[in-house]
Structures are given as C-alpha cells and as structure tokens.
C-alpha atoms as a PDB file:
ATOM      1  CA  MET A   1     110.901  98.884 104.865  1.00  0.00           C
ATOM      2  CA  HIS A   2     113.415  98.232 107.621  1.00  0.00           C
ATOM      3  CA  ARG A   3     113.226 101.656 109.087  1.00  0.00           C
ATOM      4  CA  ALA A   4     111.605 103.429 112.004  1.00  0.00           C
ATOM      5  CA  SER A   5     108.976 106.093 111.464  1.00  0.00           C
ATOM      6  CA  PRO A   6     108.924 109.511 113.275  1.00  0.00           C
ATOM      7  CA  LEU A   7     106.505 112.368 112.894  1.00  0.00           C
ATOM      8  CA  PHE A   8     106.035 115.292 110.482  1.00  0.00           C
ATOM      9  CA  ALA A   9     103.042 117.512 109.684  1.00  0.00           C
ATOM     10  CA  LEU A  10     102.216 118.004 106.040  1.00  0.00           C
ATOM     11  CA  PRO A  11     100.236 120.662 104.216  1.00  0.00           C
ATOM     12  CA  ALA A  12      96.850 120.223 102.562  1.00  0.00           C
ATOM     13  CA  SER A  13      95.295 119.245  99.240  1.00  0.00           C
ATOM     14  CA  LEU A  14      96.460 116.295  97.194  1.00  0.00           C
ATOM     15  CA  SER A  15      94.103 113.407  96.571  1.00  0.00           C
ATOM     16  CA  LEU A  16      94.727 109.727  96.818  1.00  0.00           C
ATOM     17  CA  SER A  17      92.094 107.176  97.526  1.00  0.00           C
ATOM     18  CA  LEU A  18      93.091 103.759  98.724  1.00  0.00           C
ATOM     19  CA  SER A  19      90.717 100.953  99.343  1.00  0.00           C
ATOM     20  CA  LEU A  20      92.190  97.917 101.000  1.00  0.00           C
ATOM     21  CA  ALA A  21      91.692  95.597 103.958  1.00  0.00           C
ATOM     22  CA  CYS A  22      94.677  94.115 105.642  1.00  0.00           C
ATOM     23  CA  SER A  23      96.518  93.212 108.764  1.00  0.00           C
ATOM     24  CA  GLY A  24     100.037  94.270 109.606  1.00  0.00           C
ATOM     25  CA  GLY A  25     103.364  92.827 110.571  1.00  0.00           C
ATOM     26  CA  ASP A  26     106.158  93.420 113.023  1.00  0.00           C
ATOM     27  CA  LYS A  27     109.092  95.502 112.094  1.00  0.00           C
ATOM     28  CA  ASP A  28     112.363  93.609 111.629  1.00  0.00           C
ATOM     29  CA  ASP A  29     114.672  96.524 112.225  1.00  0.00           C
ATOM     30  CA  GLU A  30     114.786  99.916 113.661  1.00  0.00           C
ATOM     31  CA  ARG A  31     116.810 102.773 112.424  1.00  0.00           C
ATOM     32  CA  ALA A  32     118.169 105.607 114.540  1.00  0.00           C
ATOM     33  CA  SER A  33     116.553 108.931 113.648  1.00  0.00           C
ATOM     34  CA  ALA A  34     118.679 111.927 112.791  1.00  0.00           C
ATOM     35  CA  SER A  35     116.111 114.679 112.332  1.00  0.00           C
ATOM     36  CA  SER A  36     112.445 115.519 112.413  1.00  0.00           C
ATOM     37  CA  THR A  37     110.721 118.578 110.966  1.00  0.00           C
ATOM     38  CA  THR A  38     107.279 120.025 110.457  1.00  0.00           C
ATOM     39  CA  ALA A  39     105.852 123.134 108.838  1.00  0.00           C
ATOM     40  CA  SER A  40     103.003 125.473 108.190  1.00  0.00           C
ATOM     41  CA  THR A  41     102.930 128.578 106.039  1.00  0.00           C
ATOM     42  CA  ASP A  42     101.341 129.440 102.723  1.00  0.00           C
ATOM     43  CA  GLN A  43     103.072 130.253  99.519  1.00  0.00           C
ATOM     44  CA  SER A  44     101.902 130.376  95.981  1.00  0.00           C
ATOM     45  CA  GLY A  45     103.914 129.417  92.963  1.00  0.00           C
ATOM     46  CA  PRO A  46     103.579 128.367  89.367  1.00  0.00           C
ATOM     47  CA  THR A  47     102.412 124.944  88.327  1.00  0.00           C
ATOM     48  CA  GLU A  48     105.085 122.580  87.042  1.00  0.00           C
ATOM     49  CA  GLY A  49     102.988 121.559  84.093  1.00  0.00           C
ATOM     50  CA  THR A  50      99.509 120.597  83.080  1.00  0.00           C
ATOM     51  CA  ASP A  51      97.870 117.785  81.206  1.00  0.00           C
ATOM     52  CA  ALA A  52      94.417 117.469  79.692  1.00  0.00           C
ATOM     53  CA  SER A  53      93.712 114.537  81.984  1.00  0.00           C
ATOM     54  CA  THR A  54      95.018 116.185  85.132  1.00  0.00           C
ATOM     55  CA  THR A  55      92.997 117.187  88.127  1.00  0.00           C
ATOM     56  CA  THR A  56      94.456 120.484  89.250  1.00  0.00           C
ATOM     57  CA  ALA A  57      94.833 121.408  92.878  1.00  0.00           C
ATOM     58  CA  ALA A  58      94.703 124.743  94.620  1.00  0.00           C
ATOM     59  CA  ASP A  59      97.235 127.351  93.575  1.00  0.00           C
ATOM     60  CA  SER A  60      98.380 127.953  97.122  1.00  0.00           C
ATOM     61  CA  GLU A  61     100.940 125.771  98.860  1.00  0.00           C
ATOM     62  CA  SER A  62     101.693 125.420 102.506  1.00  0.00           C
ATOM     63  CA  GLY A  63     105.319 125.958 103.220  1.00  0.00           C
ATOM     64  CA  PRO A  64     107.138 124.311 106.066  1.00  0.00           C
ATOM     65  CA  THR A  65     108.602 125.824 109.187  1.00  0.00           C
ATOM     66  CA  THR A  66     111.272 123.794 110.935  1.00  0.00           C
ATOM     67  CA  THR A  67     110.924 123.461 114.692  1.00  0.00           C
ATOM     68  CA  ASP A  68     113.776 122.332 116.935  1.00  0.00           C
ATOM     69  CA  THR A  69     113.614 120.587 120.289  1.00  0.00           C
ATOM     70  CA  SER A  70     115.937 118.229 122.097  1.00  0.00           C
ATOM     71  CA  ALA A  71     113.582 115.417 121.168  1.00  0.00           C
ATOM     72  CA  THR A  72     111.116 115.245 118.280  1.00  0.00           C
ATOM     73  CA  ALA A  73     110.140 118.396 116.410  1.00  0.00           C
ATOM     74  CA  THR A  74     106.446 118.615 115.621  1.00  0.00           C
ATOM     75  CA  ALA A  75     104.348 121.352 114.009  1.00  0.00           C
ATOM     76  CA  GLU A  76     100.793 121.631 112.834  1.00  0.00           C
ATOM     77  CA  THR A  77      99.860 122.679 109.337  1.00  0.00           C
ATOM     78  CA  THR A  78      96.519 124.304 108.678  1.00  0.00           C
ATOM     79  CA  GLY A  79      94.415 122.408 106.186  1.00  0.00           C
ATOM     80  CA  THR A  80      96.443 119.233 106.345  1.00  0.00           C
ATOM     81  CA  THR A  81      94.706 115.927 106.974  1.00  0.00           C
ATOM     82  CA  GLY A  82      96.881 113.878 109.315  1.00  0.00           C
ATOM     83  CA  GLU A  83     100.489 114.350 110.319  1.00  0.00           C
ATOM     84  CA  ALA A  84     103.490 112.828 108.657  1.00  0.00           C
ATOM     85  CA  THR A  85     106.526 111.715 110.589  1.00  0.00           C
ATOM     86  CA  THR A  86     110.060 111.642 109.297  1.00  0.00           C
ATOM     87  CA  SER A  87     113.231 110.087 110.647  1.00  0.00           C
ATOM     88  CA  GLY A  88     116.499 109.339 108.983  1.00  0.00           C
ATOM     89  CA  THR A  89     120.083 108.337 109.546  1.00  0.00           C
ATOM     90  CA  SER A  90     121.525 110.758 107.027  1.00  0.00           C
ATOM     91  CA  ALA A  91     123.136 113.963 108.233  1.00  0.00           C
ATOM     92  CA  THR A  92     121.145 117.079 107.487  1.00  0.00           C
ATOM     93  CA  SER A  93     122.392 120.173 105.751  1.00  0.00           C
ATOM     94  CA  GLY A  94     120.827 123.463 104.820  1.00  0.00           C
ATOM     95  CA  GLY A  95     118.243 123.142 107.572  1.00  0.00           C
ATOM     96  CA  THR A  96     117.637 122.830 111.280  1.00  0.00           C
ATOM     97  CA  ASP A  97     118.298 119.569 113.030  1.00  0.00           C
ATOM     98  CA  SER A  98     116.417 117.954 115.874  1.00  0.00           C
ATOM     99  CA  ASP A  99     116.668 114.633 117.623  1.00  0.00           C
ATOM    100  CA  PRO A 100     113.646 112.520 116.709  1.00  0.00           C
ATOM    101  CA  THR A 101     112.002 109.732 118.558  1.00  0.00           C
ATOM    102  CA  THR A 102     112.569 106.331 117.014  1.00  0.00           C
ATOM    103  CA  THR A 103     109.891 103.695 116.978  1.00  0.00           C
ATOM    104  CA  THR A 104     109.861 100.101 115.919  1.00  0.00           C
ATOM    105  CA  ASP A 105     106.980  98.386 114.210  1.00  0.00           C
ATOM    106  CA  ALA A 106     107.758  96.752 110.925  1.00  0.00           C
ATOM    107  CA  PRO A 107     106.394  93.610 109.330  1.00  0.00           C
ATOM    108  CA  THR A 108     108.108  90.477 108.251  1.00  0.00           C
ATOM    109  CA  THR A 109     105.812  89.299 105.473  1.00  0.00           C
ATOM    110  CA  THR A 110     106.696  89.974 101.854  1.00  0.00           C
ATOM    111  CA  GLY A 111     105.663  88.819  98.446  1.00  0.00           C
ATOM    112  CA  ASP A 112     102.719  89.027  96.098  1.00  0.00           C
ATOM    113  CA  ASN A 113      99.490  87.070  96.396  1.00  0.00           C
ATOM    114  CA  THR A 114     100.444  85.960  99.876  1.00  0.00           C
ATOM    115  CA  THR A 115      98.212  83.980 102.179  1.00  0.00           C
ATOM    116  CA  GLY A 116      98.039  83.308 105.901  1.00  0.00           C
ATOM    117  CA  ALA A 117      96.840  85.236 108.903  1.00  0.00           C
ATOM    118  CA  MET A 118      97.828  88.893 109.040  1.00  0.00           C
ATOM    119  CA  GLU A 119      99.185  89.834 112.417  1.00  0.00           C
ATOM    120  CA  GLU A 120      98.575  93.542 112.710  1.00  0.00           C
ATOM    121  CA  CYS A 121      96.326  96.132 111.091  1.00  0.00           C
ATOM    122  CA  LYS A 122      97.225  99.794 110.631  1.00  0.00           C
ATOM    123  CA  THR A 123      95.915 102.824 108.843  1.00  0.00           C
ATOM    124  CA  ASP A 124      99.404 104.367 108.713  1.00  0.00           C
ATOM    125  CA  LEU A 125     101.471 104.155 105.547  1.00  0.00           C
ATOM    126  CA  VAL A 126     105.144 103.697 106.427  1.00  0.00           C
ATOM    127  CA  GLY A 127     107.857 104.169 103.842  1.00  0.00           C
ATOM    128  CA  VAL A 128     111.189 105.692 102.902  1.00  0.00           C
ATOM    129  CA  VAL A 129     111.826 109.120 101.424  1.00  0.00           C
ATOM    130  CA  ARG A 130     115.071 109.497  99.495  1.00  0.00           C
ATOM    131  CA  ASP A 131     116.429 113.008  99.138  1.00  0.00           C
ATOM    132  CA  PHE A 132     118.276 114.003  95.944  1.00  0.00           C
ATOM    133  CA  LYS A 133     120.246 117.027  94.822  1.00  0.00           C
ATOM    134  CA  SER A 134     118.657 119.203  92.154  1.00  0.00           C
ATOM    135  CA  SER A 135     121.672 118.469  89.934  1.00  0.00           C
ATOM    136  CA  HIS A 136     120.587 114.849  89.401  1.00  0.00           C
ATOM    137  CA  PRO A 137     119.837 114.376  85.667  1.00  0.00           C
ATOM    138  CA  ASP A 138     116.221 113.329  86.315  1.00  0.00           C
ATOM    139  CA  PHE A 139     115.413 116.326  88.537  1.00  0.00           C
ATOM    140  CA  GLU A 140     114.752 119.941  87.502  1.00  0.00           C
ATOM    141  CA  ALA A 141     114.874 118.886  83.852  1.00  0.00           C
ATOM    142  CA  ALA A 142     112.138 118.684  81.200  1.00  0.00           C
ATOM    143  CA  ILE A 143     108.451 119.020  82.086  1.00  0.00           C
ATOM    144  CA  GLY A 144     105.752 116.754  80.711  1.00  0.00           C
ATOM    145  CA  ALA A 145     103.408 113.917  81.643  1.00  0.00           C
ATOM    146  CA  GLU A 146     104.394 110.544  80.208  1.00  0.00           C
ATOM    147  CA  LYS A 147     103.290 106.954  80.645  1.00  0.00           C
ATOM    148  CA  GLY A 148     105.530 103.972  80.084  1.00  0.00           C
ATOM    149  CA  ILE A 149     108.536 105.037  82.172  1.00  0.00           C
ATOM    150  CA  VAL A 150     108.175 101.761  84.092  1.00  0.00           C
ATOM    151  CA  ALA A 151     107.251  98.231  83.019  1.00  0.00           C
ATOM    152  CA  THR A 152     103.813  96.823  83.816  1.00  0.00           C
ATOM    153  CA  GLN A 153     105.251  94.152  86.128  1.00  0.00           C
ATOM    154  CA  LEU A 154     107.109  94.913  89.349  1.00  0.00           C
ATOM    155  CA  GLY A 155     110.678  93.616  89.447  1.00  0.00           C
ATOM    156  CA  ALA A 156     111.803  90.599  91.458  1.00  0.00           C
ATOM    157  CA  ASP A 157     113.356  93.056  93.957  1.00  0.00           C
ATOM    158  CA  HIS A 158     109.911  94.695  94.433  1.00  0.00           C
ATOM    159  CA  LYS A 159     111.107  97.832  92.628  1.00  0.00           C
ATOM    160  CA  PRO A 160     109.812  99.355  89.367  1.00  0.00           C
ATOM    161  CA  VAL A 161     111.629  98.185  86.237  1.00  0.00           C
ATOM    162  CA  TYR A 162     112.730 101.018  83.958  1.00  0.00           C
ATOM    163  CA  ALA A 163     111.137 100.736  80.506  1.00  0.00           C
ATOM    164  CA  GLY A 164     112.398 103.964  78.937  1.00  0.00           C
ATOM    165  CA  GLY A 165     115.271 102.518  76.945  1.00  0.00           C
ATOM    166  CA  GLY A 166     118.013 105.118  76.532  1.00  0.00           C
ATOM    167  CA  GLY A 167     115.796 107.795  78.030  1.00  0.00           C
ATOM    168  CA  THR A 168     112.418 109.527  77.844  1.00  0.00           C
ATOM    169  CA  LEU A 169     111.267 113.141  77.890  1.00  0.00           C
ATOM    170  CA  THR A 170     111.858 113.475  81.643  1.00  0.00           C
ATOM    171  CA  THR A 171     114.234 110.582  82.430  1.00  0.00           C
ATOM    172  CA  HIS A 172     117.777 109.763  81.387  1.00  0.00           C
ATOM    173  CA  GLY A 173     118.260 106.024  81.264  1.00  0.00           C
ATOM    174  CA  ALA A 174     118.075 103.037  83.585  1.00  0.00           C
ATOM    175  CA  ALA A 175     121.184 103.847  85.632  1.00  0.00           C
ATOM    176  CA  ASN A 176     119.768 107.191  86.756  1.00  0.00           C
ATOM    177  CA  PHE A 177     116.240 105.870  87.268  1.00  0.00           C
ATOM    178  CA  ASN A 178     117.422 102.929  89.356  1.00  0.00           C
ATOM    179  CA  GLN A 179     118.724 105.402  91.932  1.00  0.00           C
ATOM    180  CA  TRP A 180     115.200 106.702  92.616  1.00  0.00           C
ATOM    181  CA  TYR A 181     114.142 103.827  94.869  1.00  0.00           C
ATOM    182  CA  ASN A 182     117.459 102.357  95.973  1.00  0.00           C
ATOM    183  CA  ASP A 183     119.841 103.714  98.609  1.00  0.00           C
ATOM    184  CA  THR A 184     122.789 105.185  96.701  1.00  0.00           C
ATOM    185  CA  PRO A 185     125.488 106.819  98.849  1.00  0.00           C
ATOM    186  CA  GLY A 186     126.435 110.268  97.602  1.00  0.00           C
ATOM    187  CA  ILE A 187     123.391 110.359  95.297  1.00  0.00           C
ATOM    188  CA  ASN A 188     120.508 110.145  97.751  1.00  0.00           C
ATOM    189  CA  GLN A 189     119.863 110.081 101.475  1.00  0.00           C
ATOM    190  CA  PRO A 190     117.098 107.867 102.956  1.00  0.00           C
ATOM    191  CA  ILE A 191     114.740 109.198 105.615  1.00  0.00           C
ATOM    192  CA  ASP A 192     111.917 107.151 107.125  1.00  0.00           C
ATOM    193  CA  LEU A 193     108.404 108.555 106.841  1.00  0.00           C
ATOM    194  CA  THR A 194     105.013 107.716 108.350  1.00  0.00           C
ATOM    195  CA  ILE A 195     101.834 108.986 106.667  1.00  0.00           C
ATOM    196  CA  PRO A 196      98.723 108.554 108.839  1.00  0.00           C
ATOM    197  CA  LEU A 197      95.400 108.125 107.074  1.00  0.00           C
ATOM    198  CA  THR A 198      92.492 109.795 108.868  1.00  0.00           C
ATOM    199  CA  ASP A 199      88.945 108.438 108.915  1.00  0.00           C
ATOM    200  CA  ASN A 200      86.785 111.025 107.135  1.00  0.00           C
ATOM    201  CA  GLY A 201      83.591 109.669 108.692  1.00  0.00           C
ATOM    202  CA  LYS A 202      82.279 108.635 105.286  1.00  0.00           C
ATOM    203  CA  GLY A 203      83.853 105.214 105.045  1.00  0.00           C
ATOM    204  CA  ALA A 204      87.181 106.399 103.648  1.00  0.00           C
ATOM    205  CA  PHE A 205      90.655 107.080 105.052  1.00  0.00           C
ATOM    206  CA  VAL A 206      92.443 110.183 103.809  1.00  0.00           C
ATOM    207  CA  PHE A 207      95.748 112.002 103.773  1.00  0.00           C
ATOM    208  CA  ASP A 208      95.600 115.360 101.993  1.00  0.00           C
ATOM    209  CA  SER A 209      98.351 117.906 101.462  1.00  0.00           C
ATOM    210  CA  ALA A 210      98.704 120.734  98.946  1.00  0.00           C
ATOM    211  CA  ALA A 211     102.244 121.354 100.165  1.00  0.00           C
ATOM    212  CA  PHE A 212     103.832 117.949 100.590  1.00  0.00           C
ATOM    213  CA  PHE A 213     107.348 118.777 101.776  1.00  0.00           C
ATOM    214  CA  PRO A 214     108.113 116.164 104.454  1.00  0.00           C
ATOM    215  CA  ILE A 215     111.893 116.614 104.509  1.00  0.00           C
ATOM    216  CA  ASP A 216     112.470 120.369 104.458  1.00  0.00           C
ATOM    217  CA  GLY A 217     115.886 121.137 105.931  1.00  0.00           C
ATOM    218  CA  GLN A 218     116.904 117.474 105.891  1.00  0.00           C
ATOM    219  CA  GLY A 219     119.079 115.311 103.681  1.00  0.00           C
ATOM    220  CA  PHE A 220     120.955 117.538 101.244  1.00  0.00           C
ATOM    221  CA  GLY A 221     118.935 120.503 102.462  1.00  0.00           C
ATOM    222  CA  ASP A 222     116.671 122.875 100.554  1.00  0.00           C
ATOM    223  CA  GLU A 223     119.469 124.070  98.222  1.00  0.00           C
ATOM    224  CA  GLY A 224     118.378 127.688  98.385  1.00  0.00           C
ATOM    225  CA  ASN A 225     114.730 126.885  97.637  1.00  0.00           C
ATOM    226  CA  PRO A 226     111.815 127.614  99.996  1.00  0.00           C
ATOM    227  CA  HIS A 227     111.332 123.828 100.330  1.00  0.00           C
ATOM    228  CA  ASN A 228     113.120 120.584  99.624  1.00  0.00           C
ATOM    229  CA  PHE A 229     111.606 119.778  96.207  1.00  0.00           C
ATOM    230  CA  HIS A 230     113.706 116.795  95.141  1.00  0.00           C
ATOM    231  CA  PHE A 231     112.821 113.437  96.652  1.00  0.00           C
ATOM    232  CA  THR A 232     111.169 110.094  96.064  1.00  0.00           C
ATOM    233  CA  LEU A 233     108.911 108.016  98.320  1.00  0.00           C
ATOM    234  CA  GLU A 234     108.616 104.213  98.422  1.00  0.00           C
ATOM    235  CA  ILE A 235     105.926 102.333 100.390  1.00  0.00           C
ATOM    236  CA  HIS A 236     105.235  98.585 100.488  1.00  0.00           C
ATOM    237  CA  THR A 237     102.006  97.241 101.984  1.00  0.00           C
ATOM    238  CA  LYS A 238      99.829  94.154 102.032  1.00  0.00           C
ATOM    239  CA  PHE A 239      96.034  94.040 102.278  1.00  0.00           C
ATOM    240  CA  LYS A 240      93.215  91.543 102.328  1.00  0.00           C
ATOM    241  CA  TYR A 241      90.837  91.911  99.400  1.00  0.00           C
ATOM    242  CA  GLU A 242      87.323  91.815 100.830  1.00  0.00           C
ATOM    243  CA  GLY A 243      85.551  93.198  97.769  1.00  0.00           C
ATOM    244  CA  GLY A 244      84.655  96.806  96.918  1.00  0.00           C
ATOM    245  CA  GLU A 245      88.035  98.391  97.759  1.00  0.00           C
ATOM    246  CA  VAL A 246      89.170 101.500  95.894  1.00  0.00           C
ATOM    247  CA  PHE A 247      92.531 103.244  95.959  1.00  0.00           C
ATOM    248  CA  SER A 248      92.815 106.831  94.663  1.00  0.00           C
ATOM    249  CA  PHE A 249      95.599 109.372  94.356  1.00  0.00           C
ATOM    250  CA  THR A 250      95.905 112.962  93.140  1.00  0.00           C
ATOM    251  CA  GLY A 251      99.252 114.706  93.002  1.00  0.00           C
ATOM    252  CA  ASP A 252     102.526 115.519  91.307  1.00  0.00           C
ATOM    253  CA  ASP A 253     104.932 114.437  90.051  1.00  0.00           C
ATOM    254  CA  ASP A 254     105.360 110.710  89.259  1.00  0.00           C
ATOM    255  CA  LEU A 255     103.210 108.037  90.880  1.00  0.00           C
ATOM    256  CA  PHE A 256     103.372 104.310  90.145  1.00  0.00           C
ATOM    257  CA  VAL A 257     101.085 101.957  92.073  1.00  0.00           C
ATOM    258  CA  PHE A 258     101.344  98.181  91.734  1.00  0.00           C
ATOM    259  CA  VAL A 259      98.729  95.754  93.035  1.00  0.00           C
ATOM    260  CA  ASN A 260      99.790  92.103  93.209  1.00  0.00           C
ATOM    261  CA  GLY A 261     102.906  93.142  91.260  1.00  0.00           C
ATOM    262  CA  VAL A 262     100.861  94.588  88.370  1.00  0.00           C
ATOM    263  CA  LEU A 263     100.966  98.283  87.406  1.00  0.00           C
ATOM    264  CA  ALA A 264      97.566  99.733  88.362  1.00  0.00           C
ATOM    265  CA  ILE A 265      98.222 103.504  88.296  1.00  0.00           C
ATOM    266  CA  ASP A 266     100.740 105.164  85.963  1.00  0.00           C
ATOM    267  CA  LEU A 267     101.072 108.936  86.467  1.00  0.00           C
ATOM    268  CA  GLY A 268     104.637 109.272  85.239  1.00  0.00           C
ATOM    269  CA  GLY A 269     106.460 112.459  84.331  1.00  0.00           C
ATOM    270  CA  VAL A 270     106.905 115.966  85.693  1.00  0.00           C
ATOM    271  CA  HIS A 271     103.511 117.635  85.710  1.00  0.00           C
ATOM    272  CA  GLY A 272     100.824 119.412  87.691  1.00  0.00           C
ATOM    273  CA  PRO A 273      98.352 117.478  89.838  1.00  0.00           C
ATOM    274  CA  MET A 274      96.957 114.396  88.112  1.00  0.00           C
ATOM    275  CA  SER A 275      94.574 111.738  89.398  1.00  0.00           C
ATOM    276  CA  GLY A 276      94.421 107.974  89.175  1.00  0.00           C
ATOM    277  CA  ASN A 277      92.534 105.244  90.988  1.00  0.00           C
ATOM    278  CA  VAL A 278      92.304 101.488  91.338  1.00  0.00           C
ATOM    279  CA  ASN A 279      88.867  99.922  91.558  1.00  0.00           C
ATOM    280  CA  MET A 280      89.756  96.473  92.816  1.00  0.00           C
ATOM    281  CA  ASP A 281      86.493  94.886  91.685  1.00  0.00           C
ATOM    282  CA  ALA A 282      86.592  96.369  88.185  1.00  0.00           C
ATOM    283  CA  GLN A 283      90.272  95.540  87.711  1.00  0.00           C
ATOM    284  CA  ALA A 284      90.353  92.210  89.560  1.00  0.00           C
ATOM    285  CA  ASP A 285      90.963  90.082  86.461  1.00  0.00           C
ATOM    286  CA  ALA A 286      93.757  92.311  85.160  1.00  0.00           C
ATOM    287  CA  LEU A 287      95.382  92.397  88.593  1.00  0.00           C
ATOM    288  CA  GLY A 288      94.932  88.669  89.192  1.00  0.00           C
ATOM    289  CA  ILE A 289      93.173  89.118  92.526  1.00  0.00           C
ATOM    290  CA  ASN A 290      90.266  87.257  94.112  1.00  0.00           C
ATOM    291  CA  VAL A 291      88.037  88.179  97.036  1.00  0.00           C
ATOM    292  CA  GLY A 292      89.428  86.724 100.238  1.00  0.00           C
ATOM    293  CA  GLY A 293      93.039  86.745  99.050  1.00  0.00           C
ATOM    294  CA  GLU A 294      95.897  88.812 100.473  1.00  0.00           C
ATOM    295  CA  TYR A 295      97.875  90.933  98.037  1.00  0.00           C
ATOM    296  CA  THR A 296     100.655  93.481  97.938  1.00  0.00           C
ATOM    297  CA  LEU A 297     100.172  97.145  97.133  1.00  0.00           C
ATOM    298  CA  ASP A 298     103.449  98.893  96.275  1.00  0.00           C
ATOM    299  CA  PHE A 299     103.552 102.673  95.993  1.00  0.00           C
ATOM    300  CA  PHE A 300     106.292 104.755  94.318  1.00  0.00           C
ATOM    301  CA  PHE A 301     106.187 108.559  94.239  1.00  0.00           C
ATOM    302  CA  ALA A 302     108.640 111.208  93.022  1.00  0.00           C
ATOM    303  CA  GLU A 303     108.753 114.987  93.496  1.00  0.00           C
ATOM    304  CA  ARG A 304     111.179 116.181  90.824  1.00  0.00           C
ATOM    305  CA  HIS A 305     110.619 119.866  90.151  1.00  0.00           C
ATOM    306  CA  THR A 306     109.774 123.178  91.763  1.00  0.00           C
ATOM    307  CA  THR A 307     107.421 124.768  92.626  1.00  0.00           C
ATOM    308  CA  GLU A 308     104.558 122.583  93.880  1.00  0.00           C
ATOM    309  CA  SER A 309     104.087 119.281  95.649  1.00  0.00           C
ATOM    310  CA  ASN A 310     100.562 117.915  95.976  1.00  0.00           C
ATOM    311  CA  PHE A 311      99.731 114.610  97.627  1.00  0.00           C
ATOM    312  CA  HIS A 312      96.204 113.311  98.251  1.00  0.00           C
ATOM    313  CA  VAL A 313      95.449 109.731  99.245  1.00  0.00           C
ATOM    314  CA  GLU A 314      91.984 108.431  99.962  1.00  0.00           C
ATOM    315  CA  THR A 315      90.840 104.868 100.539  1.00  0.00           C
ATOM    316  CA  THR A 316      88.104 102.745 101.978  1.00  0.00           C
ATOM    317  CA  ILE A 317      90.805 100.392 103.180  1.00  0.00           C
ATOM    318  CA  SER A 318      91.200 100.627 106.909  1.00  0.00           C
ATOM    319  CA  CYS A 319      94.043  98.194 107.400  1.00  0.00           C
ATOM    320  CA  PHE A 320      97.517  97.819 105.922  1.00  0.00           C
ATOM    321  CA  GLU A 321     100.330  95.474 106.747  1.00  0.00           C
ATOM    322  CA  ILE A 322     103.609  97.288 106.196  1.00  0.00           C
ATOM    323  CA  ILE A 323     106.278  95.079 104.655  1.00  0.00           C
ATOM    324  CA  PRO A 324     110.013  95.738 104.300  1.00  0.00           C
ATOM    325  CA  GLY A 325     111.087  97.189 100.966  1.00  0.00           C
END
C-alpha cells in the first residue's frame, strides 16, 4: 500500500492465526493523515448471522470512544491485543477529528513467488481501510454465509476477481464488488491502518478484537450508529516460507486470504464469527509453495452489517514485508 500508518486501539476477541516468515520493504510513498481515533467501551448487540461451521465470539462488543488532541489521538481498549493505528486523507464527518502523526515505511517489492533478499522484517500488518455508506447495495442487505464470491486466483492487479455473475445472496454484481478494494471517489474513502501483532509468548503473534471498529467517526461517519460498521480492509504482505507456518483468522464478515495468488481462506458473506486457517505445509502443493521460497499473502476483509465486528489474527510468522497494493 502506498500509505502511511497511524495508530488506533481496537477492542478484543476475534481470532486470526498467521504463520509466516518474511522480511520487509521500504515504503514508496507517504500519505498525509487526516484523523486518528481510538475507543473503549462495552456494548452488546445481536449477531449478524450464524453458520454451522462458524466459531462464535463473545456476545459483548467494545465500543469506541473518540479522543481529540492537536496531534495523534490514542486510547486504550480493555481486552484488546495490540493497538491499531489509522490515518487517512479523506475528510471526516459524523465524528471527532484529530491531527494524526504520519509515518513512512512501505516496501517496494511486489509479485507472487518472488525471490531475493528481504530488506526489512515487521510484525505489523499495514493496509488500507475503505469506508462506505450504509446505502451501498452490498452493505446492510441480506445476511448469510456464502463461498464462491471471489475466484480462486487473485487478479493481475492483486485484487480479488468477482465470481458471482449477476449477483449472489449478499452481493450485487461485479461493478459494486469492484468498489470494495479500489479507491472510488464518492463511494468510499481510504484510511491507512496499522495492525500490530503481539507475541503471545507461545510462539505465535496475535491481534484480537471483539469490537473491531478502527474508523469510528471517520470517513462518512457513523451514520447514526454507535460505530462505523461499513468498511473493507486490504493488506498485502510477503513472507519467507521456512516450513511449519500457520495462518488463522476468526471474525465477521467476509475474509478472503490468498497465498501465492491462490485462494486459501474463503469466509465470504454476511455472518457471525467464522474461522479459517492456512497450514502452509499441508496446503503447500495446492498453493504452489516450497520451503525456502518467498511468497505473497494478500488479505481482504469486509465489515458489511451491524451490529458486531470481530477480528482475531494469530500466526507463528514473526516477519512480514509490506508491499504496496
């Protein structure tokens, strides 16, 4: 991603487990930050939907509280593993603004099955959140888990390819879906986000939030809701496959994870918390990866419906190279 990454504290209890070894790159660009928020309160609400294969999270959600300063706004959320940082160039509405600190640190390497020395190693996941209005056809619509929204191969532009034809239960055609992970003026507003993974002391790195609302009060605002529930998240990384890595996620709503350009986790649809994982050794042949090689891991998330947002990442991978989206 060509954007800078400020700081935001997220609530607790979603589960994603990543297992990757990699080294990072230098950021090409930096983007001026327009706002930074953080929160911590509890609220309970109904589950968006359930599925027989889902792993449900706690019924309580942490709600955000926006803090203003003349620089970066930071708050701590009880029960949250790590702190997330947001920064964006879009004007905020329906919330409180603050002037964030902008940082630069983005990589220059892209592509699948890449080789060569990796320059920098990070445990942070750096990506772009795109805020949407609840009136978008794919948001606040039907509820249901569904696989097959995206094709099994990542597109040449490193974005998911819509495979739903004229539409699916929860989506409404390629034109609408293609706005999820592409900057579209008037339709979405991009905001940079950093998600730090914390060493759990057991050989894994974790980010866990049962109230994942990183852009409350930003973008198009909360639209009268207690949180900003309508956004997507796109992250592009590269890692070195050493053998034994595992990548796991639990959350809602959609999650699509591609390893070496191949779909490895498909948790599509609007639903309650569901879990998926990638065991690199067990899936090596299907993913086309070999020990010692360097490969991309591309991560696409969407929060499309009230009233919950769970996000849990866990991995034995201690090093990611962040690459521009």
